[in-house]
Each structure stands twice: as structure tokens, then as C-alpha cells.
Amino acid sequence: MTPSFVQILIVVALLVLLFGRGKISALMGDVAKGIKSFKKGMQEEPEAEVTEDVKTIEHEAAETVSTAKKTAGSKAKS
């Protein structure tokens, strides 16, 4: 059962009376910004983010290996 045109108008009129035009306009503006941001995020290439993450992980792994070698070397001397 779909709502009729009159029912939709009544609901819209009640919303405007309860919240006012200014608050509804601000809410719709925020929704539009969110949609635009989402679309922009979907269009960006995820490869750049993945490459940066891989470089960070490789750097952390290299630091861990060098720390482990230093620790192993100092234990061997003891």
C-alpha cells in the first residue's frame, strides 16, 4: 500500500511545523555534504592508500628486525 499525495503533503507539513524551515534546510545540507563526500571517496584510487600502508608496514618490519638482531647480538656477548 503506497502513500497518497495528500498523505505525503500532510507529513511534510507536520515536519515543517515541528522543526522549522531552517533546521530542515541545515539537515538536508548536511546530508548532501555526506553524499558528496561518500561519492568522492568511492572515486579516489585506493592504490595510493594501500601503497602508503605497505611502506609503513615494511618500515616497521625493518625496525623490528634490526632491533631483534641487536638484542640477539647483545645476548650472545653475555
Protein backbone atom coordinates (compact mmCIF):
# COMPACT_ATOMS: atom_id res chain seq x y z
CA MET A 1 0.00 0.00 0.00
CA THR A 2 1.65 3.23 -1.14
CA PRO A 3 1.00 6.59 0.50
CA SER A 4 -1.09 9.01 -1.49
CA PHE A 5 -0.01 12.51 -2.48
CA VAL A 6 -2.22 14.04 0.23
CA GLN A 7 -0.65 11.87 2.93
CA ILE A 8 2.83 12.88 1.84
CA LEU A 9 1.85 16.58 1.95
CA ILE A 10 0.47 16.17 5.46
CA VAL A 11 3.67 14.54 6.68
CA VAL A 12 5.82 17.26 5.08
CA ALA A 13 3.64 19.99 6.59
CA LEU A 14 3.93 18.42 10.05
CA LEU A 15 7.70 18.18 9.74
CA VAL A 16 7.98 21.84 8.75
CA LEU A 17 5.76 22.86 11.66
CA LEU A 18 7.71 20.78 14.17
CA PHE A 19 11.25 21.54 13.09
CA GLY A 20 11.02 24.76 11.09
CA ARG A 21 12.42 25.50 7.66
CA GLY A 22 15.88 26.49 8.90
CA LYS A 23 16.59 23.28 10.76
CA ILE A 24 15.32 21.10 7.92
CA SER A 25 17.42 23.06 5.39
CA ALA A 26 20.52 22.62 7.53
CA LEU A 27 19.84 18.90 7.90
CA MET A 28 19.39 18.45 4.15
CA GLY A 29 22.60 20.40 3.53
CA ASP A 30 24.48 18.08 5.87
CA VAL A 31 23.01 15.04 4.13
CA ALA A 32 24.08 16.42 0.74
CA LYS A 33 27.63 17.03 2.00
CA GLY A 34 27.78 13.48 3.30
CA ILE A 35 26.64 12.05 -0.03
CA LYS A 36 29.17 14.16 -1.95
CA SER A 37 31.94 13.08 0.43
CA PHE A 38 30.96 9.43 0.02
CA LYS A 39 30.94 9.69 -3.78
CA LYS A 40 34.33 11.42 -3.75
CA GLY A 41 35.74 8.70 -1.51
CA MET A 42 34.44 5.99 -3.83
CA GLN A 43 36.06 7.65 -6.87
CA GLU A 44 39.50 8.07 -5.32
CA GLU A 45 42.07 5.45 -6.11
CA PRO A 46 42.59 3.13 -3.15
CA GLU A 47 46.01 2.16 -4.55
CA ALA A 48 47.68 5.24 -3.04
CA GLU A 49 46.44 4.36 0.45
CA VAL A 50 47.47 0.73 0.10
CA THR A 51 50.96 1.69 -1.12
CA GLU A 52 51.48 4.01 1.87
CA ASP A 53 50.27 1.30 4.26
CA VAL A 54 52.64 -1.25 2.74
CA LYS A 55 55.57 1.15 3.04
CA THR A 56 54.72 1.79 6.68
CA ILE A 57 54.50 -1.93 7.43
CA GLU A 58 57.79 -2.61 5.63
CA HIS A 59 59.49 0.16 7.60
CA GLU A 60 58.15 -1.18 10.91
CA ALA A 61 59.24 -4.70 9.97
CA ALA A 62 62.75 -3.49 9.15
CA GLU A 63 62.97 -1.71 12.52
CA THR A 64 61.78 -4.85 14.31
CA VAL A 65 64.38 -7.00 12.55
CA SER A 66 67.20 -4.60 13.36
CA THR A 67 66.08 -4.44 16.99
CA ALA A 68 65.94 -8.24 17.15
CA LYS A 69 69.44 -8.51 15.70
CA LYS A 70 70.79 -6.02 18.25
CA THR A 71 69.10 -7.92 21.07
CA ALA A 72 70.38 -11.27 19.83
CA GLY A 73 73.89 -9.86 19.47
CA SER A 74 73.93 -8.47 23.00
CA LYS A 75 72.64 -11.76 24.43
CA ALA A 76 75.32 -13.69 22.56
CA LYS A 77 78.04 -11.48 24.08
CA SER A 78 76.72 -12.05 27.59
